[in-house]
Protein backbone atom coordinates (compact mmCIF):
# COMPACT_ATOMS: atom_id res chain seq x y z
CA UNK A 1 5.61 27.95 0.78
CA UNK A 2 4.78 24.29 -0.05
CA UNK A 3 2.53 24.72 -3.05
CA UNK A 4 0.18 21.65 -4.04
CA UNK A 5 -0.44 21.03 -7.71
CA UNK A 6 -3.47 18.85 -8.56
CA UNK A 7 -4.93 18.54 -11.95
CA UNK A 8 -7.35 16.27 -13.37
CA UNK A 9 -7.32 15.23 -16.90
CA UNK A 10 -10.16 14.45 -19.12
CA UNK A 11 -11.39 10.65 -19.88
CA UNK A 12 -11.44 9.98 -23.77
CA UNK A 13 -14.92 10.21 -25.09
CA UNK A 14 -15.14 6.34 -25.49
CA UNK A 15 -14.11 5.92 -21.72
CA UNK A 16 -16.97 8.32 -20.74
CA UNK A 17 -19.41 6.65 -22.80
CA UNK A 18 -18.36 3.36 -21.13
CA UNK A 19 -18.98 4.75 -17.49
CA UNK A 20 -22.34 6.76 -18.37
CA UNK A 21 -23.96 4.01 -20.22
CA UNK A 22 -23.38 1.06 -17.78
CA UNK A 23 -23.45 -2.43 -18.67
CA UNK A 24 -26.14 -2.33 -21.47
CA UNK A 25 -23.50 -1.18 -23.93
CA UNK A 26 -21.04 -3.49 -25.24
CA UNK A 27 -17.74 -3.85 -22.81
CA UNK A 28 -15.50 -1.26 -23.15
CA UNK A 29 -12.03 -1.47 -24.29
CA UNK A 30 -9.58 0.35 -22.14
CA UNK A 31 -6.13 0.57 -23.31
CA UNK A 32 -3.14 2.98 -21.52
CA UNK A 33 -1.21 3.18 -24.75
CA UNK A 34 2.41 3.24 -24.00
CA UNK A 35 6.08 2.50 -25.48
CA UNK A 36 8.42 -0.02 -23.57
CA UNK A 37 12.06 -0.18 -23.91
CA UNK A 38 15.31 -0.89 -22.04
CA UNK A 39 18.60 0.64 -21.56
CA UNK A 40 21.77 -1.25 -22.14
CA UNK A 41 22.36 -1.07 -18.22
CA UNK A 42 18.90 -3.06 -18.03
CA UNK A 43 16.65 -0.02 -16.65
CA UNK A 44 13.06 -0.50 -17.93
CA UNK A 45 11.42 2.45 -19.43
CA UNK A 46 7.65 3.11 -19.91
CA UNK A 47 6.24 5.96 -21.85
CA UNK A 48 2.72 7.07 -21.99
CA UNK A 49 2.02 10.52 -23.66
CA UNK A 50 -1.19 12.28 -22.79
CA UNK A 51 -1.09 15.99 -23.86
CA UNK A 52 -4.68 16.94 -22.69
CA UNK A 53 -2.91 19.09 -19.78
CA UNK A 54 0.61 20.56 -19.44
CA UNK A 55 1.25 17.96 -16.67
CA UNK A 56 3.46 15.06 -16.27
CA UNK A 57 4.33 12.05 -13.88
CA UNK A 58 7.53 10.59 -13.28
CA UNK A 59 7.51 7.64 -11.32
CA UNK A 60 10.42 4.99 -10.37
CA UNK A 61 10.01 1.51 -8.94
CA UNK A 62 13.01 -0.55 -7.42
CA UNK A 63 11.69 -4.22 -7.20
CA UNK A 64 12.73 -4.36 -3.84
CA UNK A 65 10.29 -4.20 -0.44
CA UNK A 66 10.43 -5.57 3.04
CA UNK A 67 10.02 -9.09 1.91
CA UNK A 68 13.47 -8.76 0.48
CA UNK A 69 15.16 -8.13 3.83
CA UNK A 70 17.49 -10.47 5.46
CA UNK A 71 16.82 -11.48 9.21
CA UNK A 72 18.01 -9.11 11.50
CA UNK A 73 17.96 -6.15 9.04
CA UNK A 74 14.46 -5.68 8.83
CA UNK A 75 13.19 -1.97 8.06
CA UNK A 76 15.90 -1.34 5.37
CA UNK A 77 13.92 -0.76 2.45
CA UNK A 78 11.85 1.78 4.30
CA UNK A 79 14.84 3.25 5.78
CA UNK A 80 16.35 3.67 2.25
CA UNK A 81 12.93 5.39 1.28
CA UNK A 82 13.81 8.14 3.95
CA UNK A 83 17.57 8.33 2.86
CA UNK A 84 16.86 8.92 -0.90
CA UNK A 85 15.26 12.37 -0.02
CA UNK A 86 18.45 13.85 1.79
CA UNK A 87 20.53 14.69 -1.30
CA UNK A 88 23.07 12.78 -3.72
CA UNK A 89 26.71 13.65 -4.89
CA UNK A 90 25.46 16.55 -7.38
CA UNK A 91 22.35 17.57 -5.45
CA UNK A 92 23.59 17.27 -1.87
CA UNK A 93 20.69 18.98 0.11
CA UNK A 94 16.91 18.18 0.55
CA UNK A 95 15.26 16.54 -2.50
CA UNK A 96 12.18 18.46 -2.07
CA UNK A 97 13.77 22.12 -2.32
CA UNK A 98 14.74 22.46 -6.44
CA UNK A 99 11.13 20.95 -7.31
CA UNK A 100 8.71 22.52 -4.90
CA UNK A 101 9.11 26.09 -6.64
CA UNK A 102 7.34 24.21 -9.69
CA UNK A 103 4.34 23.12 -7.68
CA UNK A 104 5.51 19.59 -7.62
CA UNK A 105 3.71 16.77 -5.59
CA UNK A 106 6.52 14.65 -4.49
CA UNK A 107 6.68 11.46 -2.42
CA UNK A 108 7.68 7.96 -2.14
CA UNK A 109 6.48 4.91 -0.41
CA UNK A 110 7.77 1.27 0.52
CA UNK A 111 5.26 -1.94 1.09
CA UNK A 112 6.15 -5.36 1.21
CA UNK A 113 6.88 -5.68 -2.34
CA UNK A 114 8.53 -2.61 -3.99
CA UNK A 115 9.83 0.95 -3.20
CA UNK A 116 8.45 3.57 -5.31
CA UNK A 117 9.45 7.46 -6.03
CA UNK A 118 7.31 9.91 -7.90
CA UNK A 119 6.81 13.57 -8.97
CA UNK A 120 3.82 15.16 -10.57
CA UNK A 121 4.67 18.39 -12.17
CA UNK A 122 4.08 20.66 -15.10
CA UNK A 123 5.73 19.55 -18.26
CA UNK A 124 8.87 22.00 -18.00
CA UNK A 125 9.82 20.15 -14.66
CA UNK A 126 10.37 16.71 -16.37
CA UNK A 127 14.04 17.03 -17.22
CA UNK A 128 14.81 18.18 -13.66
CA UNK A 129 12.85 15.55 -12.17
CA UNK A 130 14.71 13.06 -14.23
CA UNK A 131 18.23 14.20 -13.67
CA UNK A 132 17.52 14.20 -9.92
CA UNK A 133 16.07 10.45 -9.82
CA UNK A 134 19.31 9.51 -12.18
CA UNK A 135 21.58 11.54 -9.47
CA UNK A 136 20.23 9.57 -6.51
CA UNK A 137 20.22 6.27 -8.26
CA UNK A 138 23.92 6.53 -9.52
CA UNK A 139 25.46 8.78 -6.82
CA UNK A 140 23.37 8.53 -3.65
CA UNK A 141 26.61 6.80 -1.97
CA UNK A 142 29.10 9.54 -2.19
CA UNK A 143 26.58 11.63 -0.01
CA UNK A 144 25.54 9.12 2.53
CA UNK A 145 27.21 10.10 5.68
CA UNK A 146 26.83 8.56 9.37
CA UNK A 147 25.31 11.80 10.32
CA UNK A 148 22.44 11.13 7.74
CA UNK A 149 21.94 7.45 8.64
CA UNK A 150 21.67 8.47 12.30
CA UNK A 151 19.17 11.23 11.50
CA UNK A 152 16.97 9.15 9.27
CA UNK A 153 17.15 6.23 11.45
CA UNK A 154 15.63 8.23 14.20
CA UNK A 155 13.04 9.70 12.05
CA UNK A 156 12.05 5.91 11.29
CA UNK A 157 11.94 4.94 15.06
CA UNK A 158 9.86 7.81 15.61
CA UNK A 159 7.32 6.95 12.69
CA UNK A 160 7.34 3.34 14.19
CA UNK A 161 6.34 4.88 17.54
CA UNK A 162 3.73 6.97 16.13
CA UNK A 163 2.18 4.53 13.81
CA UNK A 164 2.63 1.42 16.08
CA UNK A 165 3.13 2.20 19.53
CA UNK A 166 1.43 5.23 20.76
CA UNK A 167 -1.29 5.31 18.02
CA UNK A 168 -4.46 3.70 19.48
CA UNK A 169 -5.00 0.12 18.04
CA UNK A 170 -1.53 0.52 16.39
CA UNK A 171 0.39 -2.47 17.73
CA UNK A 172 -2.72 -4.89 16.17
CA UNK A 173 -0.82 -5.00 12.76
CA UNK A 174 2.29 -6.08 14.54
CA UNK A 175 0.56 -8.92 16.03
CA UNK A 176 -1.30 -9.93 12.88
CA UNK A 177 1.79 -10.03 10.85
CA UNK A 178 3.53 -12.34 13.50
CA UNK A 179 0.33 -14.69 13.71
CA UNK A 180 -0.61 -15.10 10.05
CA UNK A 181 2.68 -15.95 8.62
CA UNK A 182 5.13 -18.74 9.63
CA UNK A 183 8.51 -17.89 11.37
CA UNK A 184 10.66 -16.20 8.69
CA UNK A 185 8.22 -15.65 6.20
CA UNK A 186 8.99 -12.39 4.30
CA UNK A 187 5.92 -11.07 5.36
CA UNK A 188 6.09 -11.78 8.98
CA UNK A 189 7.64 -8.73 10.35
CA UNK A 190 6.23 -5.10 9.56
CA UNK A 191 7.72 -2.87 6.68
CA UNK A 192 8.85 -0.50 9.47
CA UNK A 193 11.02 -3.02 10.98
CA UNK A 194 11.98 -3.35 14.57
CA UNK A 195 13.88 -0.71 16.82
CA UNK A 196 16.72 -3.54 17.42
CA UNK A 197 17.17 -3.87 13.69
CA UNK A 198 17.15 -0.47 12.87
CA UNK A 199 19.81 0.61 15.79
CA UNK A 200 21.96 -2.27 14.72
CA UNK A 201 22.22 -1.27 11.25
CA UNK A 202 25.69 0.10 10.08
CA UNK A 203 26.70 2.52 7.41
CA UNK A 204 28.41 -0.59 5.71
CA UNK A 205 25.01 -2.50 5.82
CA UNK A 206 23.29 0.39 4.37
CA UNK A 207 25.60 0.93 1.50
CA UNK A 208 25.63 -2.94 0.92
CA UNK A 209 21.75 -2.78 0.55
CA UNK A 210 21.75 0.10 -1.96
CA UNK A 211 24.53 -1.66 -3.83
CA UNK A 212 22.37 -4.76 -4.19
CA UNK A 213 19.09 -3.41 -5.16
CA UNK A 214 19.50 0.24 -6.04
CA UNK A 215 20.64 -0.77 -9.48
CA UNK A 216 19.22 0.17 -13.06
CA UNK A 217 18.70 -3.30 -13.85
CA UNK A 218 16.13 -3.72 -10.87
CA UNK A 219 14.21 -0.60 -11.58
CA UNK A 220 11.31 0.43 -13.95
CA UNK A 221 10.88 4.13 -14.92
CA UNK A 222 7.59 5.45 -16.14
CA UNK A 223 6.99 9.23 -17.48
CA UNK A 224 3.38 9.59 -18.37
CA UNK A 225 1.44 12.73 -19.42
CA UNK A 226 2.63 15.84 -21.50
CA UNK A 227 5.89 15.69 -23.04
CA UNK A 228 8.18 15.43 -26.13
CA UNK A 229 8.81 11.85 -26.38
CA UNK A 230 12.21 12.45 -28.29
CA UNK A 231 13.47 14.72 -25.69
CA UNK A 232 12.57 12.68 -22.75
CA UNK A 233 14.11 9.60 -24.42
CA UNK A 234 17.66 11.75 -24.75
CA UNK A 235 17.12 13.04 -21.17
CA UNK A 236 16.73 9.32 -20.08
CA UNK A 237 19.70 8.06 -22.02
CA UNK A 238 22.02 11.03 -21.00
CA UNK A 239 21.14 10.64 -17.22
CA UNK A 240 20.18 7.22 -16.53
CA UNK A 241 22.41 5.83 -19.42
CA UNK A 242 26.05 5.99 -17.96
CA UNK A 243 24.78 4.34 -14.67
CA UNK A 244 26.53 1.07 -14.47
CA UNK A 245 24.56 -2.45 -14.34
CA UNK A 246 24.73 -4.13 -11.31
CA UNK A 247 24.58 -7.76 -10.45
CA UNK A 248 21.00 -8.88 -10.97
CA UNK A 249 19.17 -9.03 -7.81
CA UNK A 250 16.80 -11.94 -6.88
CA UNK A 251 13.78 -10.45 -5.37
CA UNK A 252 11.69 -13.21 -3.13
CA UNK A 253 8.75 -14.27 -5.62
CA UNK A 254 7.45 -17.35 -3.78
CA UNK A 255 6.92 -18.42 -0.05
CA UNK A 256 4.99 -20.95 1.75
CA UNK A 257 2.03 -19.08 3.67
CA UNK A 258 1.66 -22.00 6.17
CA UNK A 259 -1.39 -22.98 7.52
CA UNK A 260 -3.59 -20.75 9.68
CA UNK A 261 -5.46 -22.54 12.47
CA UNK A 262 -7.98 -20.64 14.50
CA UNK A 263 -6.74 -18.83 17.53
CA UNK A 264 -8.15 -16.12 19.89
CA UNK A 265 -5.32 -13.38 21.31
CA UNK A 266 -6.21 -10.74 23.54
CA UNK A 267 -4.19 -7.79 24.32
CA UNK A 268 -4.45 -4.40 26.02
CA UNK A 269 -3.95 -0.98 24.86
CA UNK A 270 -4.37 2.71 25.74
CA UNK A 271 -7.79 3.11 24.14
CA UNK A 272 -11.24 3.89 25.10
CA UNK A 273 -13.27 1.15 23.51
CA UNK A 274 -12.68 -2.57 22.87
CA UNK A 275 -12.39 -3.70 19.21
CA UNK A 276 -12.43 -6.92 17.52
CA UNK A 277 -10.37 -7.97 14.89
CA UNK A 278 -11.07 -11.15 12.75
CA UNK A 279 -8.52 -12.03 10.06
CA UNK A 280 -7.92 -15.10 7.44
CA UNK A 281 -5.15 -15.84 4.66
CA UNK A 282 -6.34 -15.21 1.38
CA UNK A 283 -5.56 -14.99 -2.49
CA UNK A 284 -2.69 -13.26 -3.45
CA UNK A 285 -2.74 -10.04 -5.44
CA UNK A 286 -4.33 -10.71 -9.05
CA UNK A 287 -4.81 -14.14 -8.43
CA UNK A 288 -8.33 -15.86 -8.59
CA UNK A 289 -10.42 -14.65 -5.96
CA UNK A 290 -8.64 -11.49 -5.18
CA UNK A 291 -11.17 -9.33 -6.81
CA UNK A 292 -14.05 -11.32 -5.17
CA UNK A 293 -12.89 -10.45 -1.78
CA UNK A 294 -12.75 -6.69 -2.60
CA UNK A 295 -16.14 -6.84 -3.79
CA UNK A 296 -17.03 -8.63 -0.68
CA UNK A 297 -15.68 -5.86 1.25
CA UNK A 298 -18.21 -3.57 -0.17
CA UNK A 299 -20.90 -5.51 0.33
CA UNK A 300 -19.68 -5.87 4.15
CA UNK A 301 -18.69 -2.34 5.17
CA UNK A 302 -18.95 0.02 2.07
CA UNK A 303 -21.55 2.59 3.20
CA UNK A 304 -24.59 2.72 5.27
CA UNK A 305 -26.47 -0.08 3.30
CA UNK A 306 -23.72 -2.39 3.50
CA UNK A 307 -24.42 -5.49 5.77
CA UNK A 308 -22.28 -5.03 8.94
CA UNK A 309 -22.63 -1.15 8.99
CA UNK A 310 -26.38 -1.36 8.84
CA UNK A 311 -26.86 -4.37 11.44
CA UNK A 312 -23.85 -3.01 13.92
CA UNK A 313 -23.81 0.32 13.82
CA UNK A 314 -27.03 1.70 12.41
CA UNK A 315 -30.05 -0.71 13.51
CA UNK A 316 -28.20 -2.79 16.68
CA UNK A 317 -25.86 0.26 17.90
CA UNK A 318 -23.29 -2.30 19.23
CA UNK A 319 -20.50 -0.92 17.35
CA UNK A 320 -19.15 2.67 16.52
CA UNK A 321 -17.58 1.63 13.27
CA UNK A 322 -16.87 -1.49 11.33
CA UNK A 323 -14.65 -2.43 8.37
CA UNK A 324 -13.50 -5.14 5.85
CA UNK A 325 -10.77 -5.16 3.43
CA UNK A 326 -8.62 -7.38 1.22
CA UNK A 327 -5.04 -6.49 2.00
CA UNK A 328 -3.57 -7.98 -1.26
CA UNK A 329 0.01 -8.77 -1.69
CA UNK A 330 2.32 -10.90 -4.03
CA UNK A 331 3.07 -13.74 -1.66
CA UNK A 332 -0.57 -14.09 -0.07
CA UNK A 333 -2.95 -11.58 1.18
CA UNK A 334 -4.84 -10.95 4.43
CA UNK A 335 -8.50 -10.69 4.69
CA UNK A 336 -9.34 -8.55 7.69
CA UNK A 337 -12.23 -7.50 9.41
CA UNK A 338 -12.72 -5.13 12.35
CA UNK A 339 -15.57 -3.57 14.69
CA UNK A 340 -15.05 -0.93 17.45
CA UNK A 341 -17.43 -1.88 20.30
CA UNK A 342 -19.82 0.88 21.27
CA UNK A 343 -19.91 2.67 24.71
CA UNK A 344 -22.38 0.55 26.96
CA UNK A 345 -21.97 -2.62 24.68
CA UNK A 346 -19.72 -5.41 24.98
CA UNK A 347 -17.10 -7.65 23.18
CA UNK A 348 -19.68 -10.66 23.10
CA UNK A 349 -22.42 -8.88 21.53
CA UNK A 350 -20.15 -7.66 18.52
CA UNK A 351 -18.74 -11.28 18.01
CA UNK A 352 -22.07 -12.77 18.20
CA UNK A 353 -23.56 -10.20 15.65
CA UNK A 354 -20.44 -10.30 13.27
CA UNK A 355 -20.94 -14.31 13.53
CA UNK A 356 -24.26 -14.11 12.71
CA UNK A 357 -23.88 -11.94 9.39
CA UNK A 358 -20.95 -13.81 8.40
CA UNK A 359 -22.58 -17.14 8.77
CA UNK A 360 -25.94 -15.93 6.94
CA UNK A 361 -23.64 -14.22 3.89
CA UNK A 362 -22.00 -17.67 3.77
CA UNK A 363 -24.89 -19.84 4.01
CA UNK A 364 -27.59 -17.31 1.67
CA UNK A 365 -25.04 -15.61 -0.77
CA UNK A 366 -25.36 -11.85 -1.52
CA UNK A 367 -28.04 -10.35 -3.31
CA UNK A 368 -28.04 -9.25 -7.18
CA UNK A 369 -28.61 -5.49 -5.82
CA UNK A 370 -25.58 -5.89 -3.40
CA UNK A 371 -23.39 -7.23 -5.84
CA UNK A 372 -24.23 -4.71 -8.53
CA UNK A 373 -23.64 -1.82 -5.92
CA UNK A 374 -20.10 -3.15 -4.80
CA UNK A 375 -19.15 -3.74 -8.26
CA UNK A 376 -20.24 -0.35 -9.31
CA UNK A 377 -18.31 1.24 -6.80
CA UNK A 378 -15.25 -0.36 -7.49
CA UNK A 379 -15.53 0.80 -11.02
CA UNK A 380 -15.98 4.48 -10.22
CA UNK A 381 -12.63 4.26 -8.22
CA UNK A 382 -11.11 2.45 -11.17
CA UNK A 383 -12.18 5.13 -13.74
CA UNK A 384 -11.06 8.10 -11.44
CA UNK A 385 -7.58 6.52 -11.36
CA UNK A 386 -7.56 6.74 -15.23
CA UNK A 387 -8.77 10.09 -15.18
CA UNK A 388 -5.15 11.51 -14.04
CA UNK A 389 -1.87 10.95 -15.44
CA UNK A 390 -0.46 10.19 -12.10
CA UNK A 391 -3.11 7.48 -11.90
CA UNK A 392 -2.12 5.74 -15.21
CA UNK A 393 1.32 6.24 -14.49
CA UNK A 394 0.84 4.36 -11.31
CA UNK A 395 -1.35 1.91 -13.09
CA UNK A 396 1.30 0.94 -15.62
CA UNK A 397 3.89 0.38 -12.75
CA UNK A 398 1.51 -1.80 -10.91
CA UNK A 399 0.65 -4.07 -13.66
CA UNK A 400 4.22 -4.23 -14.70
CA UNK A 401 5.48 -4.96 -11.46
CA UNK A 402 3.18 -7.94 -10.30
CA UNK A 403 2.30 -9.26 -13.96
CA UNK A 404 4.83 -8.10 -16.35
CA UNK A 405 2.24 -6.55 -18.48
CA UNK A 406 2.01 -2.77 -18.51
CA UNK A 407 -1.33 -2.28 -20.10
CA UNK A 408 -3.29 -4.77 -18.32
CA UNK A 409 -6.30 -2.04 -17.34
CA UNK A 410 -9.05 -3.99 -19.44
CA UNK A 411 -8.05 -7.50 -17.66
CA UNK A 412 -8.17 -5.94 -14.40
CA UNK A 413 -11.79 -4.34 -14.93
CA UNK A 414 -12.86 -7.77 -16.27
CA UNK A 415 -11.53 -9.05 -12.92
CA UNK A 416 -14.43 -7.05 -11.35
CA UNK A 417 -17.19 -7.11 -13.87
CA UNK A 418 -16.76 -10.95 -13.71
CA UNK A 419 -17.53 -11.24 -10.17
CA UNK A 420 -21.01 -13.22 -9.97
CA UNK A 421 -23.08 -14.24 -7.01
CA UNK A 422 -21.68 -17.72 -7.51
CA UNK A 423 -17.93 -16.79 -7.60
CA UNK A 424 -18.67 -14.55 -4.30
CA UNK A 425 -20.36 -17.27 -2.51
CA UNK A 426 -17.57 -19.57 -3.47
CA UNK A 427 -14.93 -17.38 -2.25
CA UNK A 428 -16.58 -16.27 0.88
CA UNK A 429 -17.13 -19.62 1.95
CA UNK A 430 -13.36 -20.64 0.87
CA UNK A 431 -11.85 -17.81 2.78
CA UNK A 432 -14.08 -17.01 5.83
CA UNK A 433 -13.52 -20.46 7.42
CA UNK A 434 -13.87 -20.16 11.03
CA UNK A 435 -11.49 -22.87 11.86
CA UNK A 436 -8.78 -20.61 9.81
CA UNK A 437 -9.28 -17.58 11.41
CA UNK A 438 -7.20 -15.55 13.82
CA UNK A 439 -9.30 -13.44 16.42
CA UNK A 440 -7.60 -10.44 18.02
CA UNK A 441 -9.55 -8.64 20.97
CA UNK A 442 -8.15 -5.24 22.02
CA UNK A 443 -9.28 -4.14 25.36
CA UNK A 444 -8.88 -1.00 27.19
CA UNK A 445 -5.66 -1.00 29.55
CA UNK A 446 -6.76 -0.98 33.36
CA UNK A 447 -6.64 2.15 34.85
CA UNK A 448 -3.67 2.77 37.43
CA UNK A 449 -5.06 2.47 40.95
CA UNK A 450 -4.81 5.41 43.26
CA UNK A 451 -2.43 5.63 45.97
CA UNK A 452 -4.17 4.22 49.09
CA UNK A 453 -1.62 5.55 51.81
CA UNK A 454 -3.11 9.03 51.99
CA UNK A 455 0.35 10.21 50.33
CA UNK A 456 0.12 12.79 47.51
CA UNK A 457 2.51 13.21 44.63
CA UNK A 458 6.10 14.32 44.94
CA UNK A 459 6.94 17.90 44.92
CA UNK A 460 3.01 18.89 46.44
CA UNK A 461 2.04 21.85 48.10
CA UNK A 462 3.64 21.75 51.86
């Protein structure tokens, strides 16, 4: 049986006071206490202790994502995420099996910028988690066979079909990646890659990718929660220390975002209702304007009182749903808005209403109440992440990976509490520029015409 293991830790008294009392009190000072050091082989280690509950979170980031793939070999970073769960030299077999009896929560993920693996589990499972992570870092290749590659290649290709090809509106994300970034830009292709590139991958290609990127000097290990620090340091040295340092990889850190010019694209899909997507280029993760656009998303589409939901879904009833979000990334972000046309209404009605609401917001700005509600909503999610050791461990990774500063929580909070009506108006007008908007309209595929020759289907009753 697969047991899930979910535990919420308690916020500190100071943190609780900051949440309850609100902005009338002095600005809270938030910190995620940690110790940071490096092994001789270059592995960066970050330890955060919290003994409130006997739970720990082990998470390993490899600083490689789909942006670092070479042309013709898209999807390798994500493919490797799958291969890492199929056994290593000293733990040959499914990665989940030894940890699941402990009630561990185990997973990994890949995006354009990085690949991560994590285990959240009782304290008495930390040593096992560290040993298993070290074994697949140092000894994956002896256990990597052509059969495993072939198997996981098909798993990934099926995942691509399910996410993009047979999921309603799924191929939109392929089109947007291609239309919003220049040819050969690191974000031009989707993280999952193409069928052609996945099929072309050889065992030698895959082993070369591992040798290049999966080295200790391109990785960061975070252990957060309840553990004995001296014991954990000893295990880290024992299991990770002997892994040889590799040649220093060079992840992509800069790329020309190009210039987006207004364009409308229409596609058909096996869907019941049309949908309108608008997309713009926007500021990179953690740069000026990134937080303003997150707050803008709350004002536009978070909840029944948000501007677009209230107008299009509740009042005019011309849309079934509406969403707006900032898709933040290291080399440049995308701001995306979409609405699904309600039955009996048209794409043109939705387009007109979206344009009217965006124009009104650009002209008049957000109200103080809207700004407060959206900012408070973000603060709620921020503090909820701080509640768990897994949340804090992941935050340490995120700030370290993107900014080189593991404890950047207070500055992150300040980004959002510092959003003003003036700054929000500035970035709304700068980003939501009609002359730089990609519009993608998805319409239902036409129904196949019935046969007109009077014939029935083959194999019918005689």
